[in-house]
Each structure stands twice: as C-alpha cells, then as structure tokens.
N, C-alpha and C. Protein backbone atom coordinates (compact mmCIF):
# COMPACT_ATOMS: atom_id res chain seq x y z
N MET A 1 82.88 97.71 51.50
CA MET A 1 82.29 97.71 52.82
C MET A 1 83.08 96.73 53.69
N ASN A 2 83.49 97.22 54.87
CA ASN A 2 84.25 96.39 55.80
C ASN A 2 83.82 96.80 57.21
N ILE A 3 82.97 95.98 57.81
CA ILE A 3 82.40 96.30 59.12
C ILE A 3 82.71 95.16 60.09
N GLY A 4 83.26 95.51 61.25
CA GLY A 4 83.51 94.54 62.30
C GLY A 4 82.28 94.41 63.19
N ILE A 5 81.97 93.20 63.60
CA ILE A 5 80.79 92.95 64.44
C ILE A 5 81.22 92.08 65.61
N ILE A 6 80.90 92.56 66.82
CA ILE A 6 81.36 91.90 68.03
C ILE A 6 80.28 92.01 69.10
N SER A 7 80.32 91.15 70.06
CA SER A 7 79.40 91.22 71.20
C SER A 7 80.08 90.59 72.41
N ASP A 8 79.56 90.90 73.57
CA ASP A 8 79.94 90.22 74.80
C ASP A 8 81.45 90.19 75.04
N THR A 9 82.05 91.38 75.04
CA THR A 9 83.47 91.51 75.38
C THR A 9 83.68 91.43 76.89
N HIS A 10 82.71 91.81 77.67
CA HIS A 10 82.71 91.64 79.13
C HIS A 10 84.04 92.03 79.80
N GLY A 11 84.58 93.17 79.41
CA GLY A 11 85.76 93.70 80.09
C GLY A 11 87.07 93.03 79.73
N CYS A 12 87.08 92.18 78.73
CA CYS A 12 88.30 91.45 78.35
C CYS A 12 89.15 92.29 77.41
N ALA A 13 90.03 93.09 78.00
CA ALA A 13 90.81 94.07 77.25
C ALA A 13 91.83 93.45 76.30
N GLU A 14 92.53 92.41 76.74
CA GLU A 14 93.55 91.78 75.89
C GLU A 14 92.92 91.18 74.64
N THR A 15 91.79 90.53 74.81
CA THR A 15 91.12 89.94 73.65
C THR A 15 90.67 91.03 72.69
N TRP A 16 90.12 92.12 73.21
CA TRP A 16 89.72 93.24 72.35
C TRP A 16 90.92 93.72 71.52
N GLU A 17 92.06 93.90 72.16
CA GLU A 17 93.25 94.39 71.46
C GLU A 17 93.64 93.43 70.32
N LYS A 18 93.59 92.14 70.58
CA LYS A 18 93.91 91.15 69.54
C LYS A 18 92.91 91.22 68.40
N VAL A 19 91.62 91.27 68.75
CA VAL A 19 90.58 91.34 67.72
C VAL A 19 90.73 92.61 66.89
N TYR A 20 90.92 93.73 67.57
CA TYR A 20 91.04 94.99 66.85
C TYR A 20 92.25 94.97 65.92
N THR A 21 93.39 94.55 66.43
CA THR A 21 94.62 94.56 65.63
C THR A 21 94.53 93.59 64.46
N ARG A 22 93.97 92.43 64.69
CA ARG A 22 93.96 91.40 63.64
C ARG A 22 92.79 91.54 62.65
N TYR A 23 91.62 91.98 63.15
CA TYR A 23 90.43 91.93 62.30
C TYR A 23 89.73 93.27 62.05
N PHE A 24 89.83 94.21 62.98
CA PHE A 24 88.99 95.40 62.90
C PHE A 24 89.73 96.69 62.57
N MET A 25 91.04 96.70 62.59
CA MET A 25 91.80 97.93 62.40
C MET A 25 91.50 98.62 61.08
N GLU A 26 91.24 97.84 60.05
CA GLU A 26 90.97 98.40 58.72
C GLU A 26 89.49 98.60 58.44
N CYS A 27 88.65 98.35 59.43
CA CYS A 27 87.21 98.47 59.22
C CYS A 27 86.78 99.94 59.12
N GLU A 28 85.65 100.15 58.46
CA GLU A 28 85.05 101.48 58.38
C GLU A 28 84.18 101.77 59.60
N LEU A 29 83.69 100.70 60.23
CA LEU A 29 82.77 100.81 61.36
C LEU A 29 82.85 99.52 62.16
N ILE A 30 82.62 99.64 63.47
CA ILE A 30 82.51 98.46 64.33
C ILE A 30 81.15 98.52 65.00
N ILE A 31 80.44 97.40 64.98
CA ILE A 31 79.15 97.28 65.65
C ILE A 31 79.34 96.35 66.85
N HIS A 32 78.93 96.84 68.03
CA HIS A 32 79.04 96.05 69.26
C HIS A 32 77.61 95.79 69.76
N ALA A 33 77.27 94.52 69.92
CA ALA A 33 75.90 94.14 70.31
C ALA A 33 75.72 94.02 71.82
N GLY A 34 76.55 94.69 72.61
CA GLY A 34 76.31 94.81 74.04
C GLY A 34 77.12 93.91 74.94
N ASP A 35 77.00 94.19 76.25
CA ASP A 35 77.80 93.57 77.32
C ASP A 35 79.28 93.89 77.08
N ILE A 36 79.58 95.15 77.25
CA ILE A 36 80.88 95.68 76.88
C ILE A 36 81.92 95.51 77.99
N LEU A 37 81.64 96.09 79.17
CA LEU A 37 82.67 96.20 80.20
C LEU A 37 82.52 95.24 81.38
N TYR A 38 81.33 95.04 81.87
CA TYR A 38 81.12 94.26 83.09
C TYR A 38 81.05 92.77 82.76
N HIS A 39 81.64 91.94 83.61
CA HIS A 39 81.65 90.49 83.37
C HIS A 39 80.30 89.84 83.61
N GLY A 40 79.44 90.46 84.40
CA GLY A 40 78.12 89.91 84.65
C GLY A 40 78.09 88.99 85.85
N PRO A 41 76.99 88.98 86.58
CA PRO A 41 76.92 88.19 87.81
C PRO A 41 76.85 86.68 87.59
N ARG A 42 76.53 86.23 86.37
CA ARG A 42 76.45 84.80 86.10
C ARG A 42 77.76 84.22 85.59
N ASN A 43 78.70 85.10 85.28
CA ASN A 43 79.96 84.66 84.69
C ASN A 43 81.09 84.74 85.72
N ASP A 44 82.02 83.82 85.62
CA ASP A 44 83.24 83.94 86.41
C ASP A 44 84.03 85.13 85.89
N ILE A 45 84.82 85.74 86.77
CA ILE A 45 85.65 86.87 86.34
C ILE A 45 86.80 86.31 85.50
N PRO A 46 86.91 86.74 84.24
CA PRO A 46 88.00 86.23 83.41
C PRO A 46 89.36 86.73 83.91
N LEU A 47 90.40 85.96 83.66
CA LEU A 47 91.75 86.34 84.08
C LEU A 47 92.17 87.68 83.50
N GLU A 48 91.74 87.97 82.28
CA GLU A 48 92.14 89.22 81.62
C GLU A 48 91.17 90.38 81.90
N TYR A 49 90.26 90.21 82.82
CA TYR A 49 89.23 91.21 83.09
C TYR A 49 89.86 92.54 83.50
N ASN A 50 89.64 93.55 82.66
CA ASN A 50 90.17 94.88 82.92
C ASN A 50 89.27 95.90 82.22
N PRO A 51 88.08 96.16 82.80
CA PRO A 51 87.13 97.05 82.12
C PRO A 51 87.66 98.47 81.94
N LYS A 52 88.47 98.95 82.85
CA LYS A 52 89.02 100.30 82.70
C LYS A 52 89.92 100.37 81.46
N LYS A 53 90.78 99.38 81.29
CA LYS A 53 91.67 99.34 80.12
C LYS A 53 90.85 99.17 78.83
N LEU A 54 89.83 98.33 78.88
CA LEU A 54 88.99 98.15 77.69
C LEU A 54 88.29 99.45 77.33
N ALA A 55 87.76 100.16 78.32
CA ALA A 55 87.12 101.45 78.05
C ALA A 55 88.10 102.42 77.40
N GLU A 56 89.33 102.46 77.90
CA GLU A 56 90.35 103.34 77.32
C GLU A 56 90.64 102.95 75.88
N SER A 57 90.75 101.66 75.61
CA SER A 57 91.00 101.18 74.24
C SER A 57 89.86 101.53 73.30
N LEU A 58 88.63 101.31 73.75
CA LEU A 58 87.48 101.64 72.92
C LEU A 58 87.41 103.15 72.66
N ASN A 59 87.66 103.94 73.69
CA ASN A 59 87.60 105.40 73.55
C ASN A 59 88.68 105.94 72.61
N SER A 60 89.81 105.27 72.53
CA SER A 60 90.89 105.74 71.66
C SER A 60 90.85 105.09 70.28
N CYS A 61 89.88 104.25 70.05
CA CYS A 61 89.76 103.54 68.78
C CYS A 61 89.52 104.55 67.64
N SER A 62 90.27 104.41 66.57
CA SER A 62 90.12 105.33 65.43
C SER A 62 88.94 104.96 64.54
N VAL A 63 88.39 103.77 64.71
CA VAL A 63 87.24 103.32 63.93
C VAL A 63 85.98 103.64 64.74
N PRO A 64 84.97 104.27 64.12
CA PRO A 64 83.73 104.55 64.85
C PRO A 64 83.07 103.26 65.33
N ILE A 65 82.48 103.31 66.53
CA ILE A 65 81.83 102.15 67.14
C ILE A 65 80.38 102.50 67.45
N ILE A 66 79.46 101.66 66.99
CA ILE A 66 78.04 101.75 67.31
C ILE A 66 77.75 100.65 68.33
N VAL A 67 77.08 101.01 69.44
CA VAL A 67 76.84 100.06 70.53
C VAL A 67 75.36 99.99 70.87
N ALA A 68 74.84 98.78 70.99
CA ALA A 68 73.51 98.54 71.54
C ALA A 68 73.69 98.02 72.96
N SER A 69 72.85 98.44 73.85
CA SER A 69 72.97 98.08 75.26
C SER A 69 72.67 96.61 75.51
N GLY A 70 73.51 96.01 76.35
CA GLY A 70 73.30 94.63 76.77
C GLY A 70 72.78 94.57 78.19
N ASN A 71 72.43 93.39 78.66
CA ASN A 71 71.88 93.24 80.00
C ASN A 71 72.91 93.51 81.10
N CYS A 72 74.19 93.47 80.78
CA CYS A 72 75.24 93.77 81.78
C CYS A 72 75.77 95.19 81.66
N ASP A 73 75.25 95.98 80.73
CA ASP A 73 75.68 97.37 80.58
C ASP A 73 74.87 98.26 81.50
N ALA A 74 75.56 99.13 82.23
CA ALA A 74 74.91 100.01 83.21
C ALA A 74 75.15 101.47 82.84
N ASP A 75 74.45 102.35 83.51
CA ASP A 75 74.62 103.79 83.27
C ASP A 75 76.07 104.22 83.44
N VAL A 76 76.76 103.63 84.40
CA VAL A 76 78.15 104.03 84.64
C VAL A 76 79.04 103.71 83.44
N ASP A 77 78.70 102.67 82.68
CA ASP A 77 79.47 102.35 81.47
C ASP A 77 79.40 103.50 80.48
N GLY A 78 78.22 104.08 80.35
CA GLY A 78 78.04 105.22 79.47
C GLY A 78 78.80 106.44 79.93
N MET A 79 79.13 106.50 81.22
CA MET A 79 79.90 107.63 81.75
C MET A 79 81.39 107.51 81.43
N VAL A 80 81.88 106.30 81.21
CA VAL A 80 83.31 106.12 80.93
C VAL A 80 83.60 105.87 79.45
N LEU A 81 82.57 105.62 78.67
CA LEU A 81 82.75 105.42 77.22
C LEU A 81 82.37 106.69 76.48
N THR A 82 83.10 107.00 75.42
CA THR A 82 82.82 108.21 74.66
C THR A 82 81.80 107.98 73.55
N MET A 83 81.44 106.74 73.28
CA MET A 83 80.40 106.46 72.29
C MET A 83 79.11 106.17 73.04
N PRO A 84 77.97 106.59 72.51
CA PRO A 84 76.71 106.33 73.22
C PRO A 84 76.35 104.84 73.19
N ILE A 85 75.81 104.38 74.30
CA ILE A 85 75.27 103.02 74.37
C ILE A 85 73.78 103.16 74.09
N GLN A 86 73.36 102.70 72.93
CA GLN A 86 71.99 102.89 72.49
C GLN A 86 71.09 101.78 73.03
N SER A 87 69.93 102.18 73.52
CA SER A 87 69.05 101.22 74.16
C SER A 87 67.61 101.48 73.73
N PRO A 88 66.84 100.48 73.47
CA PRO A 88 67.15 99.05 73.54
C PRO A 88 67.77 98.49 72.26
N TYR A 89 67.91 99.33 71.23
CA TYR A 89 68.49 98.85 69.99
C TYR A 89 69.21 99.99 69.28
N ALA A 90 70.02 99.64 68.33
CA ALA A 90 70.62 100.61 67.41
C ALA A 90 70.12 100.28 66.02
N TYR A 91 69.86 101.33 65.25
CA TYR A 91 69.42 101.18 63.86
C TYR A 91 70.46 101.87 62.99
N ILE A 92 70.96 101.14 62.01
CA ILE A 92 72.02 101.66 61.14
C ILE A 92 71.63 101.40 59.69
N MET A 93 71.88 102.38 58.84
CA MET A 93 71.69 102.19 57.40
C MET A 93 73.07 102.36 56.77
N ILE A 94 73.59 101.29 56.18
CA ILE A 94 74.91 101.33 55.57
C ILE A 94 74.79 100.88 54.12
N GLU A 95 75.15 101.77 53.21
CA GLU A 95 75.08 101.49 51.78
C GLU A 95 73.73 100.88 51.40
N GLY A 96 72.68 101.43 51.96
CA GLY A 96 71.33 100.98 51.65
C GLY A 96 70.90 99.72 52.38
N ILE A 97 71.73 99.23 53.28
CA ILE A 97 71.41 98.02 54.03
C ILE A 97 70.91 98.42 55.42
N PRO A 98 69.63 98.16 55.72
CA PRO A 98 69.12 98.45 57.06
C PRO A 98 69.54 97.36 58.06
N ILE A 99 70.18 97.80 59.15
CA ILE A 99 70.70 96.88 60.16
C ILE A 99 70.10 97.26 61.51
N VAL A 100 69.57 96.28 62.22
CA VAL A 100 69.07 96.48 63.58
C VAL A 100 69.97 95.67 64.51
N VAL A 101 70.37 96.31 65.63
CA VAL A 101 71.23 95.66 66.61
C VAL A 101 70.52 95.72 67.96
N ASN A 102 70.34 94.58 68.58
CA ASN A 102 69.73 94.48 69.91
C ASN A 102 70.44 93.34 70.62
N HIS A 103 70.78 93.53 71.88
CA HIS A 103 71.55 92.49 72.58
C HIS A 103 70.85 91.13 72.53
N GLY A 104 69.53 91.14 72.60
CA GLY A 104 68.78 89.90 72.43
C GLY A 104 68.29 89.24 73.70
N HIS A 105 68.66 89.77 74.84
CA HIS A 105 68.30 89.12 76.10
C HIS A 105 66.81 89.19 76.42
N THR A 106 66.07 90.08 75.79
CA THR A 106 64.62 90.19 76.04
C THR A 106 63.79 89.75 74.84
N LEU A 107 64.44 89.24 73.81
CA LEU A 107 63.74 88.89 72.58
C LEU A 107 63.50 87.39 72.45
N THR A 108 62.34 87.07 71.92
CA THR A 108 62.06 85.72 71.47
C THR A 108 62.28 85.69 69.96
N GLU A 109 62.23 84.54 69.36
CA GLU A 109 62.36 84.48 67.90
C GLU A 109 61.25 85.29 67.24
N GLN A 110 60.05 85.23 67.81
CA GLN A 110 58.93 85.98 67.24
C GLN A 110 59.14 87.49 67.36
N THR A 111 59.59 87.96 68.52
CA THR A 111 59.78 89.41 68.66
C THR A 111 60.97 89.90 67.82
N GLN A 112 61.97 89.05 67.62
CA GLN A 112 63.06 89.39 66.69
C GLN A 112 62.49 89.60 65.29
N GLN A 113 61.67 88.66 64.86
CA GLN A 113 61.09 88.74 63.52
C GLN A 113 60.19 89.98 63.38
N GLU A 114 59.43 90.28 64.43
CA GLU A 114 58.56 91.45 64.38
C GLU A 114 59.37 92.74 64.31
N MET A 115 60.44 92.82 65.10
CA MET A 115 61.28 94.02 65.07
C MET A 115 62.00 94.14 63.73
N ALA A 116 62.49 93.04 63.21
CA ALA A 116 63.15 93.05 61.90
C ALA A 116 62.19 93.50 60.82
N ALA A 117 60.96 93.02 60.86
CA ALA A 117 59.96 93.42 59.86
C ALA A 117 59.59 94.89 60.01
N LYS A 118 59.40 95.34 61.24
CA LYS A 118 59.03 96.74 61.50
C LYS A 118 60.05 97.70 60.90
N PHE A 119 61.33 97.39 61.04
CA PHE A 119 62.39 98.28 60.55
C PHE A 119 62.91 97.87 59.17
N LYS A 120 62.26 96.89 58.55
CA LYS A 120 62.65 96.40 57.23
C LYS A 120 64.14 96.04 57.19
N ALA A 121 64.59 95.38 58.25
CA ALA A 121 66.00 95.02 58.37
C ALA A 121 66.40 93.96 57.36
N ALA A 122 67.58 94.13 56.81
CA ALA A 122 68.19 93.08 56.00
C ALA A 122 69.09 92.22 56.88
N LEU A 123 69.60 92.86 57.96
CA LEU A 123 70.49 92.19 58.90
C LEU A 123 70.04 92.53 60.32
N PHE A 124 69.84 91.52 61.14
CA PHE A 124 69.42 91.68 62.53
C PHE A 124 70.49 91.05 63.40
N ILE A 125 71.17 91.87 64.22
CA ILE A 125 72.30 91.41 65.01
C ILE A 125 71.92 91.34 66.49
N THR A 126 72.24 90.23 67.12
CA THR A 126 72.07 90.08 68.56
C THR A 126 73.37 89.54 69.16
N GLY A 127 73.38 89.44 70.47
CA GLY A 127 74.50 88.84 71.19
C GLY A 127 73.92 87.96 72.29
N HIS A 128 74.39 88.16 73.51
CA HIS A 128 73.88 87.58 74.74
C HIS A 128 74.21 86.12 74.98
N THR A 129 74.08 85.26 74.00
CA THR A 129 74.25 83.82 74.23
C THR A 129 75.71 83.39 74.28
N HIS A 130 76.60 84.20 73.74
CA HIS A 130 78.03 83.89 73.64
C HIS A 130 78.29 82.74 72.67
N ILE A 131 77.28 82.41 71.88
CA ILE A 131 77.38 81.33 70.89
C ILE A 131 77.02 81.92 69.53
N PRO A 132 77.92 81.82 68.54
CA PRO A 132 77.61 82.42 67.24
C PRO A 132 76.52 81.66 66.50
N SER A 133 75.76 82.42 65.74
CA SER A 133 74.77 81.82 64.85
C SER A 133 74.60 82.75 63.66
N LEU A 134 74.25 82.18 62.54
CA LEU A 134 74.06 82.93 61.31
C LEU A 134 73.05 82.17 60.47
N GLU A 135 71.89 82.78 60.26
CA GLU A 135 70.88 82.11 59.45
C GLU A 135 70.02 83.13 58.73
N LYS A 136 69.51 82.71 57.58
CA LYS A 136 68.62 83.55 56.79
C LYS A 136 67.22 82.97 56.91
N ARG A 137 66.26 83.84 57.33
CA ARG A 137 64.86 83.45 57.43
C ARG A 137 64.02 84.53 56.79
N ASN A 138 63.19 84.14 55.85
CA ASN A 138 62.30 85.08 55.16
C ASN A 138 63.04 86.29 54.60
N GLY A 139 64.22 86.05 54.06
CA GLY A 139 64.99 87.10 53.42
C GLY A 139 65.79 87.99 54.37
N ILE A 140 65.72 87.73 55.67
CA ILE A 140 66.44 88.52 56.67
C ILE A 140 67.54 87.65 57.26
N ILE A 141 68.73 88.22 57.40
CA ILE A 141 69.83 87.48 58.02
C ILE A 141 69.86 87.83 59.50
N TYR A 142 69.88 86.79 60.32
CA TYR A 142 69.98 86.92 61.78
C TYR A 142 71.38 86.46 62.17
N LEU A 143 72.11 87.36 62.84
CA LEU A 143 73.49 87.10 63.19
C LEU A 143 73.71 87.30 64.69
N ASN A 144 74.37 86.35 65.29
CA ASN A 144 74.93 86.52 66.63
C ASN A 144 76.42 86.21 66.46
N PRO A 145 77.31 87.21 66.70
CA PRO A 145 78.73 86.97 66.49
C PRO A 145 79.39 86.13 67.58
N GLY A 146 78.65 85.77 68.63
CA GLY A 146 79.23 85.03 69.74
C GLY A 146 80.02 85.96 70.64
N SER A 147 80.98 85.42 71.35
CA SER A 147 81.83 86.20 72.24
C SER A 147 83.28 85.88 71.95
N PRO A 148 84.13 86.89 71.85
CA PRO A 148 85.54 86.61 71.54
C PRO A 148 86.33 86.05 72.72
N ALA A 149 85.90 86.34 73.96
CA ALA A 149 86.71 85.95 75.11
C ALA A 149 85.99 85.05 76.11
N MET A 150 84.67 85.05 76.07
CA MET A 150 83.91 84.25 77.04
C MET A 150 82.92 83.34 76.32
N SER A 151 83.45 82.59 75.36
CA SER A 151 82.63 81.72 74.53
C SER A 151 81.90 80.67 75.37
N LYS A 152 80.68 80.40 74.97
CA LYS A 152 79.93 79.29 75.57
C LYS A 152 79.70 78.17 74.56
N ARG A 153 80.48 78.21 73.47
CA ARG A 153 80.47 77.10 72.53
C ARG A 153 81.04 75.87 73.23
N PRO A 154 80.64 74.68 72.86
CA PRO A 154 81.23 73.48 73.48
C PRO A 154 82.75 73.43 73.35
N ASP A 155 83.30 73.94 72.23
CA ASP A 155 84.76 73.92 72.03
C ASP A 155 85.45 75.18 72.56
N LYS A 156 84.67 76.13 73.12
CA LYS A 156 85.18 77.36 73.73
C LYS A 156 85.89 78.30 72.77
N ARG A 157 85.70 78.14 71.46
CA ARG A 157 86.33 79.02 70.48
C ARG A 157 85.70 80.40 70.56
N GLY A 158 86.52 81.43 70.73
CA GLY A 158 86.05 82.80 70.70
C GLY A 158 85.73 83.20 69.27
N THR A 159 84.68 84.01 69.10
CA THR A 159 84.24 84.34 67.74
C THR A 159 83.87 85.81 67.61
N ILE A 160 83.97 86.30 66.39
CA ILE A 160 83.52 87.63 65.98
C ILE A 160 82.94 87.47 64.58
N ALA A 161 82.41 88.57 64.04
CA ALA A 161 81.91 88.53 62.67
C ALA A 161 82.38 89.76 61.92
N ARG A 162 82.32 89.68 60.61
CA ARG A 162 82.60 90.83 59.75
C ARG A 162 81.60 90.84 58.61
N LEU A 163 81.30 92.02 58.14
CA LEU A 163 80.49 92.22 56.95
C LEU A 163 81.42 92.85 55.92
N ILE A 164 81.79 92.06 54.94
CA ILE A 164 82.72 92.51 53.92
C ILE A 164 82.06 92.34 52.56
N ASP A 165 81.88 93.46 51.87
CA ASP A 165 81.30 93.44 50.52
C ASP A 165 80.04 92.56 50.45
N ARG A 166 79.12 92.80 51.37
CA ARG A 166 77.81 92.15 51.43
C ARG A 166 77.86 90.66 51.82
N THR A 167 79.00 90.20 52.31
CA THR A 167 79.11 88.84 52.83
C THR A 167 79.41 88.92 54.32
N ILE A 168 78.61 88.22 55.09
CA ILE A 168 78.82 88.15 56.53
C ILE A 168 79.60 86.88 56.81
N GLU A 169 80.67 87.03 57.59
CA GLU A 169 81.46 85.87 57.95
C GLU A 169 81.67 85.85 59.46
N VAL A 170 81.57 84.66 60.03
CA VAL A 170 81.84 84.44 61.45
C VAL A 170 83.20 83.73 61.52
N LEU A 171 84.10 84.31 62.33
CA LEU A 171 85.47 83.82 62.38
C LEU A 171 85.86 83.36 63.78
N ASP A 172 86.72 82.37 63.84
CA ASP A 172 87.38 81.96 65.07
C ASP A 172 88.46 83.01 65.33
N VAL A 173 88.41 83.64 66.50
CA VAL A 173 89.33 84.73 66.83
C VAL A 173 90.79 84.25 66.84
N ALA A 174 91.05 83.08 67.39
CA ALA A 174 92.43 82.60 67.54
C ALA A 174 93.07 82.21 66.22
N THR A 175 92.30 81.58 65.33
CA THR A 175 92.88 81.03 64.11
C THR A 175 92.51 81.79 62.84
N GLY A 176 91.44 82.59 62.90
CA GLY A 176 90.95 83.25 61.70
C GLY A 176 90.12 82.35 60.81
N GLN A 177 89.90 81.11 61.26
CA GLN A 177 89.13 80.15 60.46
C GLN A 177 87.71 80.65 60.26
N LEU A 178 87.23 80.55 59.02
CA LEU A 178 85.86 80.90 58.69
C LEU A 178 84.95 79.78 59.19
N LEU A 179 84.03 80.13 60.08
CA LEU A 179 83.12 79.12 60.66
C LEU A 179 81.76 79.11 59.96
N MET A 180 81.30 80.31 59.53
CA MET A 180 80.00 80.43 58.87
C MET A 180 80.07 81.63 57.93
N SER A 181 79.27 81.61 56.88
CA SER A 181 79.15 82.80 56.03
C SER A 181 77.78 82.80 55.37
N GLU A 182 77.35 84.00 55.05
CA GLU A 182 76.04 84.19 54.39
C GLU A 182 76.13 85.47 53.59
N ARG A 183 75.55 85.48 52.43
CA ARG A 183 75.55 86.66 51.55
C ARG A 183 74.26 87.45 51.76
N LEU A 184 74.41 88.77 51.91
CA LEU A 184 73.23 89.65 52.01
C LEU A 184 72.53 89.78 50.68
C-alpha cells in the first residue's frame, strides 16, 4: 500500500509538481483533503500561484486522486478538474481500512470523533489549518497533512503525508525528513 495524502495546495503548481515527482509518482492513490486551486481570501497570493496549471497537472496525473471539498473550493473548480470534488466528505475503503476525508473547517474535535465513529473510520483525514498533526485517539488515527506550499507552521516547513504499508508518515516536502509517524 502506497498512498499520497495532501491538503491545501491553494493553486501552487510548482510545489505540486515537486511533491508529485518526489513523493507521489509511485503511489496507487492520492487523497487530497481540499483547498485545491484557489488561494483563499485570507491568504496572500503565493508567488507560484497558477491554478490553471495546477488543474492541468492534476487532470493529467496518472495516479487516481480522491478529493474532499475545502472551504476555498468552488463549483467552478469542479468544472475544470476531471476528478469529482466530494462534499462534505469522501469515504474510502482501502485494503479493509475505512478512511474518512473532510477538510475540517466546520468540524470540532467532538464532531470529528462522531463522524469517525459513525463510519467506523480507522483513519480520519482533515486539512484546513496548514499545520500537520498526527495522533491516535480511541483507536482512530487523526491526520492533518498540513500544506506543502502555504505552511502555517512556525518554521514554515511545507508538509505532506503518506500511508505506506499501514504506517502513516508526515514528511517535510523540501528535505524528505520524517516529522511524525503512526502505525494503523
């Protein structure tokens, strides 16, 4: 099992290309937790902002991509992307592992736990904060892969995650350094 997990790309095409080439090219599946193309009204426009190019790259990607809608994703994004933007969540079953993906902007910790329990999730993925987190609570792993290009970490390190052979790892995009890991 080799699954790429990303969130909050916000139209940053160059960063997507680097992430895909270095980390996701050999994946069986990519999960995107939302905020794909638009930079959002609260964020400065990144220097590499090119949502049209990012849409073209995602559409030509040879690895299937599952997307959950984020707060910055609009109907027009669904018109330019060839993969459906699922709202308010995506549910995936991979090798017997139930995975729920929701951007997280409308969830509290309690509603996350309720949704995870309702769908018997082993892995619950969110985004939105641009800060990675990985923790196990009551047998469920909660993952936020952070943002590869618009990090809000104090050190500004861009991050993504991967699920490889039942181990979730959060990586620094620039260096490949393992920042966090948890076993399913």
